Protein backbone atom coordinates (compact mmCIF):
# COMPACT_ATOMS: atom_id res chain seq x y z
CA MET A 1 0.00 0.03 -0.20
CA ILE A 2 0.93 3.30 -0.68
CA HIS A 3 0.27 6.21 1.95
CA GLU A 4 1.05 9.52 3.17
CA ALA A 5 4.95 9.12 4.10
CA SER A 6 5.76 7.96 0.67
CA ALA A 7 4.66 11.73 -0.92
CA PRO A 8 7.26 12.53 -3.55
CA LYS A 9 8.89 15.72 -2.99
CA PRO A 10 10.04 18.03 -6.48
CA VAL A 11 14.17 17.75 -6.34
CA ALA A 12 15.77 17.65 -9.33
CA VAL A 13 19.46 15.39 -10.04
CA PRO A 14 21.42 14.87 -13.14
CA VAL A 15 21.50 11.96 -14.92
CA ASN A 16 19.82 11.30 -18.04
CA LEU A 17 17.32 7.52 -18.03
CA SER A 18 18.57 6.49 -20.55
CA ASP A 19 22.22 6.31 -19.23
CA VAL A 20 21.18 3.16 -17.00
CA THR A 21 24.57 1.36 -16.92
CA GLU A 22 26.32 -1.24 -15.30
CA THR A 23 28.02 -0.31 -11.61
CA ILE A 24 30.33 -1.93 -9.62
CA ASP A 25 30.37 -0.08 -6.42
CA LEU A 26 26.98 1.88 -6.47
CA ARG A 27 28.82 4.72 -4.01
CA ASN A 28 31.36 5.49 -6.74
CA GLN A 29 28.70 7.12 -8.17
CA SER A 30 29.53 10.71 -8.55
CA THR A 31 26.28 12.04 -10.61
CA GLY A 32 22.94 11.39 -9.79
CA THR A 33 20.81 9.23 -8.11
CA VAL A 34 21.84 4.94 -8.00
CA VAL A 35 18.60 2.96 -6.95
CA GLU A 36 19.34 -0.83 -6.36
CA ILE A 37 16.92 -3.43 -7.51
CA VAL A 38 17.58 -6.79 -6.05
CA PRO A 39 15.13 -9.68 -4.57
CA VAL A 40 13.05 -9.72 -1.43
CA ASP A 41 14.92 -12.85 -0.52
CA PRO A 42 18.54 -12.33 -2.65
CA VAL A 43 19.85 -16.42 -2.32
CA GLY A 44 23.47 -16.19 -2.91
CA ALA A 45 24.31 -12.36 -2.93
CA ARG A 46 26.99 -10.93 -1.30
CA PRO A 47 26.79 -9.81 2.49
CA SER A 48 26.12 -6.15 2.32
CA VAL A 49 22.98 -6.58 0.07
CA VAL A 50 21.57 -9.16 2.22
CA ARG A 51 21.91 -6.62 5.10
CA ALA A 52 20.48 -3.99 2.91
CA VAL A 53 17.57 -6.68 2.25
CA ILE A 54 17.29 -6.88 6.36
CA ASP A 55 17.15 -3.04 6.47
CA ALA A 56 14.62 -2.74 3.50
CA LYS A 57 11.88 -5.40 5.44
CA GLU A 58 12.49 -3.59 8.83
CA LEU A 59 11.83 -0.29 7.18
CA GLU A 60 8.91 -1.43 5.22
CA TYR A 61 7.36 -3.45 8.27
CA ARG A 62 8.03 0.10 10.91
CA THR A 63 6.26 1.60 8.33
CA PHE A 64 3.23 -0.24 8.23
CA LEU A 65 2.94 -0.75 11.48
CA ASP A 66 3.44 3.00 12.06
CA ALA A 67 0.22 3.42 10.18
CA GLY A 68 -1.82 1.15 11.19
CA TYR A 69 -1.72 -1.13 8.63
CA VAL A 70 -0.65 -3.98 10.79
CA SER A 71 0.15 -5.41 14.51
CA SER A 72 2.20 -7.59 13.90
CA LEU A 73 5.26 -8.58 11.24
CA ALA A 74 3.22 -11.88 10.58
CA GLU A 75 0.67 -9.79 9.80
CA LEU A 76 2.71 -8.16 7.32
CA HIS A 77 3.98 -11.68 5.45
CA GLU A 78 0.10 -13.20 5.39
CA GLU A 79 -0.13 -10.60 2.98
CA LEU A 80 3.20 -10.45 0.78
CA GLU A 81 4.27 -14.00 1.13
CA ALA A 82 1.93 -15.40 -1.82
CA TYR A 83 4.16 -13.10 -4.33
CA SER A 84 8.00 -13.33 -2.44
CA SER A 85 9.06 -15.00 -5.33
CA ALA A 86 8.07 -12.65 -8.27
CA SER A 87 9.01 -9.68 -5.32
CA TRP A 88 11.85 -6.84 -5.64
CA PHE A 89 13.05 -3.94 -3.87
CA LEU A 90 13.72 -1.08 -5.09
CA ILE A 91 16.26 0.40 -2.49
CA ALA A 92 17.22 3.77 -2.01
CA ARG A 93 19.67 4.49 -0.31
CA ASP A 94 21.49 8.23 1.35
CA GLU A 95 24.68 9.68 1.56
CA ASP A 96 25.46 7.49 3.87
CA ALA A 97 25.15 4.34 2.06
CA GLU A 98 22.10 3.85 4.87
CA VAL A 99 18.70 2.81 3.48
CA ALA A 100 17.22 5.58 3.02
CA GLY A 101 13.14 4.03 1.16
CA VAL A 102 11.90 1.53 -0.23
CA ALA A 103 9.33 0.06 -2.68
CA ARG A 104 8.31 -3.61 -3.02
CA VAL A 105 7.09 -4.35 -6.82
CA ILE A 106 5.65 -7.35 -7.82
CA ASN A 107 6.32 -8.70 -11.51
CA PRO A 108 3.08 -10.95 -13.28
CA THR A 109 3.49 -14.70 -12.64
CA ALA A 110 1.10 -17.35 -12.17
CA ALA A 111 0.02 -15.89 -8.55
CA GLY A 112 -1.25 -12.62 -10.42
CA LEU A 113 -0.60 -9.25 -8.90
CA LYS A 114 -1.67 -8.41 -5.39
CA THR A 115 -3.82 -5.90 -5.98
CA LEU A 116 -5.51 -7.46 -8.63
CA ASN A 117 -6.42 -10.24 -6.76
CA ASP A 118 -7.69 -8.18 -3.91
CA MET A 119 -10.07 -6.86 -6.22
CA GLU A 120 -11.71 -10.42 -7.22
CA ALA A 121 -11.94 -11.84 -4.39
CA ARG A 122 -13.75 -8.51 -2.72
CA ARG A 123 -11.79 -7.40 -0.29
CA LEU A 124 -11.04 -4.25 -2.92
CA ASP A 125 -13.72 -2.39 -4.39
CA ALA A 126 -13.87 -3.13 -8.55
CA SER A 127 -16.84 -1.52 -9.84
CA PHE A 128 -15.54 0.76 -12.73
CA ALA A 129 -15.71 -1.06 -15.65
CA ASN A 130 -12.88 1.15 -16.72
CA ALA A 131 -10.37 -1.79 -15.66
CA ALA A 132 -11.32 -3.36 -18.95
CA ARG A 133 -9.38 -0.99 -21.00
CA PHE A 134 -5.91 -1.97 -18.96
CA SER A 135 -3.71 -4.76 -20.41
CA PHE A 136 -3.06 -6.47 -17.21
CA ALA A 137 -0.66 -8.83 -18.71
CA GLU A 138 1.74 -5.74 -19.26
CA SER A 139 1.61 -4.49 -15.78
CA PHE A 140 3.83 -4.87 -12.37
CA GLU A 141 2.57 -3.77 -8.87
CA ILE A 142 3.74 -0.95 -6.52
CA ALA A 143 2.69 -3.39 -3.47
CA THR A 144 4.33 -1.22 -0.62
CA LEU A 145 6.83 1.88 -0.30
CA SER A 146 7.90 3.17 2.55
CA VAL A 147 10.70 6.28 3.66
CA SER A 148 12.78 6.30 6.71
CA LYS A 149 10.99 9.79 9.09
CA LYS A 150 14.68 11.50 8.84
CA HIS A 151 14.14 11.00 4.79
CA ARG A 152 10.46 12.25 4.31
CA HIS A 153 11.88 16.08 3.80
CA SER A 154 13.79 14.45 1.14
CA SER A 155 13.97 13.60 -2.61
CA THR A 156 13.71 9.58 -1.50
CA ALA A 157 10.54 9.19 -2.78
CA LEU A 158 10.36 10.61 -6.16
CA ASN A 159 13.75 9.04 -6.54
CA LEU A 160 11.99 5.59 -5.64
CA TYR A 161 9.10 6.91 -7.99
CA GLY A 162 12.03 7.58 -10.85
CA ALA A 163 13.25 3.84 -10.15
CA ILE A 164 9.60 2.23 -10.50
CA ILE A 165 9.44 4.39 -14.50
CA ALA A 166 12.82 2.71 -15.37
CA LYS A 167 11.53 -0.27 -14.47
CA SER A 168 8.73 0.10 -16.42
CA ILE A 169 10.77 1.16 -19.68
CA ALA A 170 13.52 -1.43 -19.15
CA GLU A 171 10.86 -3.90 -19.18
CA ALA A 172 8.56 -2.62 -21.61
CA ARG A 173 6.12 -2.67 -19.12
CA PRO A 174 3.86 0.79 -19.32
CA THR A 175 1.41 -0.08 -16.34
CA VAL A 176 1.98 -0.30 -12.88
CA VAL A 177 -1.06 -0.92 -10.46
CA ALA A 178 -1.56 0.02 -7.04
CA SER A 179 -3.04 0.27 -3.36
CA PHE A 180 -3.22 3.82 -2.15
CA ASP A 181 -4.12 4.93 0.98
CA ASP A 182 -7.37 7.38 0.48
CA GLY A 183 -8.29 8.10 4.36
CA LYS A 184 -10.79 10.78 4.15
CA SER A 185 -8.87 13.45 6.24
CA ALA A 186 -5.48 12.85 4.16
CA SER A 187 -5.64 11.30 0.73
CA TYR A 188 -2.17 10.61 -0.39
CA LEU A 189 -4.00 8.99 -3.20
CA ARG A 190 -5.71 12.65 -4.13
CA GLU A 191 -2.01 14.14 -2.64
CA PHE A 192 -0.55 12.32 -5.60
CA GLU A 193 -2.76 13.23 -8.38
CA SER A 194 -2.61 16.83 -8.07
CA LEU A 195 1.08 16.03 -8.42
CA PHE A 196 1.04 13.81 -11.43
CA PRO A 197 -2.79 14.64 -13.34
CA GLU A 198 -2.86 12.53 -15.86
CA GLY A 199 -1.55 9.07 -15.99
CA ILE A 200 -3.48 7.80 -12.72
CA THR A 201 -7.09 5.38 -13.73
CA ARG A 202 -9.39 4.66 -10.02
CA LEU A 203 -10.63 0.88 -11.17
CA GLY A 204 -12.25 1.67 -7.79
CA HIS A 205 -14.06 3.20 -4.97
CA ALA A 206 -12.02 3.27 -1.18
CA ARG A 207 -12.82 0.22 0.55
CA ASP A 208 -11.59 -0.33 3.88
CA PHE A 209 -8.30 -2.63 3.52
CA MET A 210 -6.05 -2.74 6.66
CA GLY A 211 -7.29 -0.11 8.75
CA THR A 212 -7.79 2.42 5.72
CA PRO A 213 -10.17 3.51 3.15
CA THR A 214 -7.71 1.93 -0.31
CA THR A 215 -8.32 2.21 -3.33
CA PRO A 216 -6.72 0.70 -6.20
CA VAL A 217 -5.26 1.81 -9.32
CA CYS A 218 -3.52 1.78 -12.56
CA ILE A 219 -0.82 3.70 -13.70
CA SER A 220 -0.04 4.60 -17.58
CA VAL A 221 3.41 5.69 -17.24
CA PRO A 222 4.03 7.43 -20.72
CA ASP A 223 0.98 9.32 -20.25
CA LEU A 224 1.80 10.34 -16.20
CA LEU A 225 5.40 11.37 -18.16
CA ALA A 226 2.92 13.39 -20.83
CA GLY A 227 1.04 14.77 -18.25
CA MET A 228 3.97 16.63 -16.43
CA SER A 229 5.17 19.03 -19.54
CA HIS A 230 3.91 21.59 -17.46
CA GLN A 231 6.58 20.68 -14.63
CA PRO A 232 9.71 19.92 -16.30
CA ALA A 233 12.20 20.06 -12.69
CA ILE A 234 10.13 16.76 -11.92
CA VAL A 235 9.72 15.35 -15.22
CA HIS A 236 13.83 15.51 -15.05
CA ALA A 237 13.92 14.45 -11.50
CA LEU A 238 11.84 11.20 -12.49
CA ARG A 239 14.13 10.88 -15.36
CA SER A 240 17.42 10.65 -13.44
CA VAL A 241 17.65 7.67 -11.36
CA THR A 242 20.29 5.19 -12.68
CA LEU A 243 18.42 1.48 -11.89
CA VAL A 244 21.33 -1.54 -10.71
CA THR A 245 21.51 -4.65 -9.48
CA SER A 246 23.74 -6.21 -7.37
CA THR A 247 22.79 -8.99 -6.12
CA TYR A 248 25.45 -12.18 -6.42
CA ALA A 249 28.69 -13.24 -6.04
CA GLN A 250 30.92 -10.09 -4.91
CA GLY A 251 31.94 -7.61 -7.44
CA SER A 252 29.24 -8.82 -9.90
CA SER A 253 26.67 -6.51 -11.22
CA ARG A 254 23.89 -6.25 -13.90
CA LEU A 255 20.98 -4.47 -14.75
CA ILE A 256 17.81 -6.32 -14.20
CA ALA A 257 15.49 -6.08 -17.60
CA SER A 258 13.08 -8.88 -19.18
């Protein structure tokens, strides 16, 4: 679920999205913003990556616990476990190489995507007919997005959204599904829609889910970027993220693109 603490900040950083390259040491990057993409269960990864995944899972859990979405780690595990083999973390680090923010994304497999499955099971509302115009076979999901408390006034969330866009383009998956916290008093979905006026389609009404009104959406990445033409600084920031993975043997690195 995506919520208020994940609100993106309009900060621009230099490096074009088309220049996504392999990287050996992420901390040697002198320009732009680097976001790692690693499996949620990184078997055979080097110790530093395993440590980052542990920290990412802890941040994700603490965010959900503080927001009141879950009351225990077991509850969050139950929500996400069925998709773990198809799940990846996008990990943004700060200048000290600490995990500043993390997004969990789910790739399409036989298990399906969580938001679409929750709609089918009527845990989320699916009453809007416009869902039929999307080919969800070409979609992936933003399942969670968490930013640490000390980084919530930085560009961390925007960097994670830039990484999601990079993944969308690299894998030729133009649409992304997600479930947004849509509470009446502080709707992150409405805030998100005000920042990105195009490309976001509600698939149903808000329905109580994990303790808060929640709305399923489909995001068209091409339409989202096209609709941002009047805010070039934010478009530049979104396009200024280098997405890399270095999850295997010591010193190895490759870009994930299917």
